[in-house]
Protein backbone atom coordinates (compact mmCIF):
# COMPACT_ATOMS: atom_id res chain seq x y z
CA MET A 1 7.59 -20.51 1.59
CA ASP A 2 6.96 -18.00 4.40
CA LEU A 3 4.05 -15.59 4.36
CA HIS A 4 6.09 -12.61 3.17
CA ALA A 5 7.44 -14.59 0.22
CA ARG A 6 3.99 -15.99 -0.59
CA ARG A 7 2.52 -12.50 -0.64
CA ALA A 8 5.35 -11.16 -2.80
CA ASP A 9 4.79 -14.00 -5.29
CA SER A 10 0.99 -13.82 -5.32
CA PHE A 11 0.34 -11.28 -8.07
CA GLY A 12 1.21 -13.12 -11.27
CA ALA A 13 -1.88 -15.31 -11.44
CA HIS A 14 -3.97 -12.14 -11.15
CA ALA A 15 -2.00 -9.89 -13.51
CA PHE A 16 -5.02 -8.93 -15.63
CA ALA A 17 -7.08 -7.96 -12.57
CA TYR A 18 -4.11 -6.01 -11.15
CA ALA A 19 -3.82 -3.99 -14.35
CA GLU A 20 -7.56 -3.39 -14.46
CA HIS A 21 -8.17 -2.44 -10.85
CA ARG A 22 -5.06 -0.92 -9.24
CA PRO A 23 -4.85 2.90 -9.20
CA ASP A 24 -2.30 4.89 -11.15
CA TYR A 25 0.07 7.50 -9.65
CA PRO A 26 -0.39 11.28 -9.60
CA VAL A 27 1.82 13.22 -11.99
CA ALA A 28 2.75 15.66 -9.21
CA ALA A 29 4.22 12.81 -7.16
CA VAL A 30 6.31 11.55 -10.07
CA ARG A 31 7.57 15.05 -10.84
CA TRP A 32 8.57 15.59 -7.22
CA ALA A 33 10.43 12.27 -7.16
CA LEU A 34 12.51 13.40 -10.14
CA GLU A 35 12.88 17.04 -9.08
CA PRO A 36 16.59 16.86 -8.06
CA LEU A 37 17.43 15.95 -11.66
CA GLY A 38 16.04 19.16 -13.11
CA THR A 39 13.84 19.46 -16.17
CA GLY A 40 14.08 17.50 -19.39
CA HIS A 41 13.52 13.94 -20.46
CA LEU A 42 15.35 11.34 -18.39
CA ASP A 43 16.38 7.69 -18.51
CA VAL A 44 14.21 6.15 -15.79
CA LEU A 45 14.17 2.58 -14.51
CA ASP A 46 10.79 1.41 -13.20
CA LEU A 47 11.88 -1.33 -10.80
CA ALA A 48 9.40 -4.07 -9.88
CA ALA A 49 7.22 -2.46 -12.52
CA GLY A 50 4.26 -4.82 -12.22
CA THR A 51 1.80 -4.22 -15.02
CA GLY A 52 3.16 -0.76 -15.79
CA LYS A 53 1.05 1.62 -13.70
CA LEU A 54 4.07 3.82 -12.98
CA SER A 55 5.70 3.28 -16.39
CA SER A 56 2.62 4.71 -18.08
CA VAL A 57 2.89 7.96 -16.13
CA LEU A 58 6.62 8.25 -16.84
CA ILE A 59 6.14 7.69 -20.57
CA ALA A 60 3.34 10.26 -20.70
CA GLU A 61 5.83 12.71 -19.13
CA GLY A 62 8.23 12.06 -22.00
CA HIS A 63 10.84 10.00 -20.15
CA ARG A 64 12.69 7.03 -21.62
CA VAL A 65 11.59 4.07 -19.51
CA THR A 66 13.10 0.67 -18.81
CA ALA A 67 10.72 -1.54 -16.85
CA VAL A 68 12.17 -4.42 -14.81
CA GLU A 69 9.78 -6.98 -13.30
CA PRO A 70 10.47 -10.48 -11.88
CA ASN A 71 7.08 -12.05 -12.57
CA GLU A 72 6.58 -13.28 -16.12
CA ALA A 73 2.79 -12.85 -16.13
CA MET A 74 2.99 -9.31 -14.78
CA LEU A 75 5.69 -8.41 -17.31
CA SER A 76 3.61 -9.84 -20.16
CA GLU A 77 0.64 -7.74 -19.07
CA LEU A 78 2.89 -4.66 -18.96
CA VAL A 79 4.12 -5.29 -22.51
CA ARG A 80 0.55 -5.76 -23.70
CA ARG A 81 -0.69 -2.52 -22.20
CA VAL A 82 2.26 -0.10 -22.21
CA HIS A 83 3.96 0.97 -25.41
CA ASP A 84 7.35 2.67 -25.86
CA VAL A 85 8.86 0.86 -22.89
CA ARG A 86 11.89 -1.42 -22.75
CA ALA A 87 10.71 -4.36 -20.64
CA LEU A 88 13.16 -6.77 -18.99
CA PRO A 89 12.87 -9.68 -16.54
CA GLY A 90 14.82 -9.07 -13.37
CA HIS A 91 14.56 -8.07 -9.74
CA ALA A 92 15.86 -5.46 -7.35
CA GLU A 93 18.72 -7.58 -6.12
CA HIS A 94 19.99 -8.23 -9.66
CA ILE A 95 19.06 -5.46 -12.10
CA PRO A 96 19.75 -6.43 -15.74
CA VAL A 97 21.14 -3.10 -16.98
CA PRO A 98 24.75 -1.82 -17.22
CA ASP A 99 26.49 0.35 -14.66
CA GLY A 100 25.68 4.05 -14.64
CA THR A 101 23.04 4.04 -17.36
CA VAL A 102 19.94 5.56 -15.74
CA ASP A 103 19.17 8.89 -14.12
CA ALA A 104 16.56 7.58 -11.72
CA VAL A 105 15.12 4.36 -10.29
CA LEU A 106 11.46 4.61 -9.32
CA VAL A 107 9.64 1.91 -7.39
CA GLY A 108 5.84 1.87 -7.28
CA GLN A 109 4.17 -0.03 -4.45
CA ALA A 110 7.04 -2.53 -4.17
CA PHE A 111 10.05 -1.42 -2.11
CA HIS A 112 8.72 -3.35 0.88
CA TRP A 113 9.28 -6.59 -1.08
CA PHE A 114 13.02 -5.91 -1.55
CA ASP A 115 16.03 -7.01 0.47
CA PRO A 116 17.43 -3.48 1.00
CA LEU A 117 20.94 -4.72 1.88
CA LYS A 118 21.22 -6.20 -1.62
CA ALA A 119 18.93 -3.84 -3.52
CA TYR A 120 20.57 -0.55 -2.56
CA PRO A 121 24.02 -1.44 -3.98
CA GLU A 122 22.39 -2.67 -7.19
CA ILE A 123 20.36 0.52 -7.52
CA ALA A 124 23.48 2.61 -6.86
CA ARG A 125 25.35 0.60 -9.51
CA VAL A 126 22.91 1.42 -12.32
CA LEU A 127 22.51 5.11 -11.41
CA ARG A 128 24.51 7.92 -12.92
CA PRO A 129 26.24 10.37 -10.53
CA GLY A 130 23.64 12.39 -8.65
CA GLY A 131 20.93 9.89 -9.56
CA VAL A 132 17.70 9.44 -7.64
CA VAL A 133 15.89 6.46 -6.19
CA ALA A 134 12.30 7.00 -5.06
CA GLY A 135 9.60 4.76 -3.66
CA LEU A 136 5.93 5.60 -4.25
CA TRP A 137 3.01 4.12 -2.35
CA ASN A 138 -0.72 4.62 -2.85
CA GLU A 139 -2.66 4.21 0.39
CA LEU A 140 -6.17 4.92 1.56
CA ASP A 141 -6.55 8.42 3.03
CA VAL A 142 -7.58 7.30 6.50
CA SER A 143 -7.89 10.92 7.65
CA VAL A 144 -11.34 10.73 6.02
CA PRO A 145 -13.58 8.99 8.60
CA TRP A 146 -15.49 6.71 6.24
CA VAL A 147 -12.25 5.71 4.49
CA ASP A 148 -10.72 4.83 7.85
CA GLU A 149 -13.70 2.54 8.45
CA LEU A 150 -13.30 1.09 4.95
CA ASP A 151 -9.66 0.30 5.69
CA ASP A 152 -10.75 -1.68 8.74
CA ALA A 153 -13.46 -3.50 6.76
CA ALA A 154 -11.03 -4.42 3.99
CA ARG A 155 -8.52 -6.31 6.15
CA SER A 156 -7.93 -10.04 6.08
CA SER A 157 -6.47 -12.36 8.71
CA VAL A 158 -2.97 -11.79 7.27
CA SER A 159 -3.16 -8.03 6.77
CA SER A 160 -0.12 -6.17 8.04
CA ALA A 161 -0.47 -3.75 10.91
CA ARG A 162 -0.69 -0.11 9.88
CA THR A 163 2.86 1.20 9.60
CA GLU A 164 4.71 4.04 7.91
CA VAL A 165 5.50 2.68 4.45
CA VAL A 166 8.61 4.86 4.20
CA ASP A 167 10.13 2.78 7.02
CA THR A 168 10.50 -0.05 4.50
CA MET A 169 12.97 2.19 2.63
CA PRO A 170 15.62 2.68 5.34
CA PRO A 171 18.66 4.96 5.17
CA HIS A 172 21.76 3.63 3.42
CA PRO A 173 25.32 5.01 3.29
CA LEU A 174 25.32 5.00 -0.51
CA PHE A 175 22.52 7.58 -0.52
CA ALA A 176 21.97 10.97 1.06
CA ASP A 177 19.23 11.30 3.67
CA GLY A 178 15.80 11.04 2.17
CA ALA A 179 13.03 13.56 1.70
CA VAL A 180 9.38 12.53 2.02
CA ALA A 181 6.27 14.13 0.55
CA GLU A 182 2.59 13.25 0.32
CA PHE A 183 0.21 13.98 -2.54
CA PRO A 184 -3.59 13.78 -2.62
CA HIS A 185 -4.91 11.23 -5.06
CA ALA A 186 -8.14 9.33 -5.73
CA GLN A 187 -9.36 6.25 -7.53
CA ARG A 188 -12.66 6.40 -9.43
CA ARG A 189 -14.75 3.26 -8.98
CA ALA A 190 -18.03 2.52 -10.74
CA SER A 191 -19.58 0.45 -7.96
CA PRO A 192 -18.88 -1.23 -4.61
CA GLU A 193 -18.20 -4.46 -6.49
CA GLU A 194 -15.53 -2.72 -8.56
CA TYR A 195 -13.78 -1.43 -5.44
CA ALA A 196 -13.93 -4.91 -3.94
CA ALA A 197 -12.13 -6.08 -7.08
CA THR A 198 -9.35 -3.61 -6.22
CA ILE A 199 -9.03 -5.11 -2.74
CA GLY A 200 -8.96 -8.52 -4.38
CA THR A 201 -5.64 -7.64 -6.05
CA HIS A 202 -3.88 -6.97 -2.74
CA SER A 203 -1.49 -9.66 -1.58
CA HIS A 204 -3.24 -10.15 1.76
CA ALA A 205 -6.43 -11.04 -0.13
CA LEU A 206 -4.63 -13.30 -2.61
CA VAL A 207 -3.01 -15.70 -0.13
CA VAL A 208 -5.96 -16.46 2.15
CA SER A 209 -8.41 -19.30 1.60
CA GLU A 210 -11.17 -19.00 -1.00
CA GLU A 211 -13.69 -18.93 1.82
CA GLU A 212 -12.02 -16.03 3.61
CA ARG A 213 -11.48 -14.17 0.34
CA ALA A 214 -15.19 -14.45 -0.52
CA GLU A 215 -16.17 -13.25 2.96
CA LEU A 216 -13.76 -10.32 2.65
CA MET A 217 -15.15 -9.27 -0.74
CA ASP A 218 -18.71 -9.52 0.56
CA ARG A 219 -17.86 -7.46 3.66
CA VAL A 220 -16.34 -4.67 1.55
CA VAL A 221 -19.33 -4.59 -0.81
CA ARG A 222 -21.83 -4.49 2.07
CA PHE A 223 -19.89 -1.70 3.78
CA LEU A 224 -19.83 0.45 0.64
CA TYR A 225 -23.53 -0.03 -0.09
CA ALA A 226 -24.26 1.09 3.47
CA ARG A 227 -22.37 4.37 3.06
CA PRO A 228 -24.03 7.42 1.45
CA GLU A 229 -20.70 8.38 -0.18
CA THR A 230 -20.52 5.12 -2.14
CA SER A 231 -23.95 3.52 -2.26
CA SER A 232 -25.14 4.79 -5.64
CA GLY A 233 -23.31 5.51 -8.86
CA PRO A 234 -19.59 6.08 -9.39
CA PHE A 235 -17.53 7.37 -6.47
CA ASP A 236 -13.98 8.47 -5.70
CA VAL A 237 -11.94 6.63 -3.09
CA PRO A 238 -9.60 9.18 -1.44
CA LEU A 239 -5.96 8.14 -1.49
CA VAL A 240 -2.64 9.57 -0.37
CA THR A 241 0.46 8.91 -2.45
CA THR A 242 3.56 8.92 -0.26
CA VAL A 243 6.95 9.38 -1.92
CA LYS A 244 10.37 8.87 -0.35
CA ARG A 245 13.31 10.19 -2.39
CA LEU A 246 17.03 9.49 -1.94
CA VAL A 247 19.94 10.92 -3.94
CA LEU A 248 23.09 8.96 -4.73
CA ALA A 249 25.84 10.21 -2.43
CA GLY A 250 29.16 11.49 -3.70
């Protein structure tokens, strides 16, 4: 199994920690993703739903949510934590719902794991006319100097180079050109150790050796205790949520 596949498959054994320590998504970002569809309650597919971080926001907004997730452990954690959701095993290249049955497909922190040549036609198949597909990504706000330093401290030997996440959601002839927006967000953490636990749920930290993982966690904790912003008591980690939105053509 190559590194990309190993990273994509690394979350299931850590499903509980993922649910406990990953940030949610800002309501404003979700509303913007769905904006072309107007107001009202929608049928939304949360694709590669993980443990339900995005599903929870959609349900709180009153939408009818179908969550599709390939990993059994992640899907079980979603079912345990998120109520009023239809949860199905499946993946982006084979979505287990009928043609033309959802208004929108939202993807939280996962489009970069897809094969877009196969995923886009499947997403188009399940969408109603004028439907929306949107990818959402939470990232550290590296415009803040200490957060930029934290991002450097929290990298492992297999961390990807910094890139524009929206590039992993390329144009496709089935969809109109995309719009992109960014939304300020933050994750509240009780201690440096708790933020290190967040880093510990990232794929680059899950596939390295136990020795490197321990060194990475220790480095993050030491960095945060050395910073006045994070050394005592709860603190907010500044994030930016990037959203790319495409509308079904035709």
